[in-house]
Amino acid sequence: MIPTCHPYAPSPPEREPVAALGNWLFVPDRRNAVGDVRTGYLVCNGERVVLRHTSRLLADLMRKIRHLEREFAARIGHPAGGGAPGRPDSLPGDRAGGVRCTTR
């Protein structure tokens, strides 16, 4: 029997940005020139949580959130981003703004 499920989507051709998730930073998978992949992780106060099984899924979610935020900003007439005060180019899902999440 041939398996029909593929656990991972292919990595996007462009490099995913680091994204803030509350107090944590999400560092997506990184590929070097040879093609070796370093698995993405979350980091906060020196603590690192490697996301062996979910890094690509979280990167995909962050990409979709950025896309939705840009669409919304365009619809309400804000410049591309319209994020944090003093940072018109930032979006809440970008490193400077951060999507708020709690660990409690």
Foldseek 3Di string as FASTA:
>chain_A
DDDDDDQADDDDPDAQAWWAAAQKIWHAWDADPVGDIDAIWIDHPRDIDGDPRCRRVVSVVLVVVLVVQQVVCVVVPQPRACPDVVCSPHHCGHHVNHHYDDPD
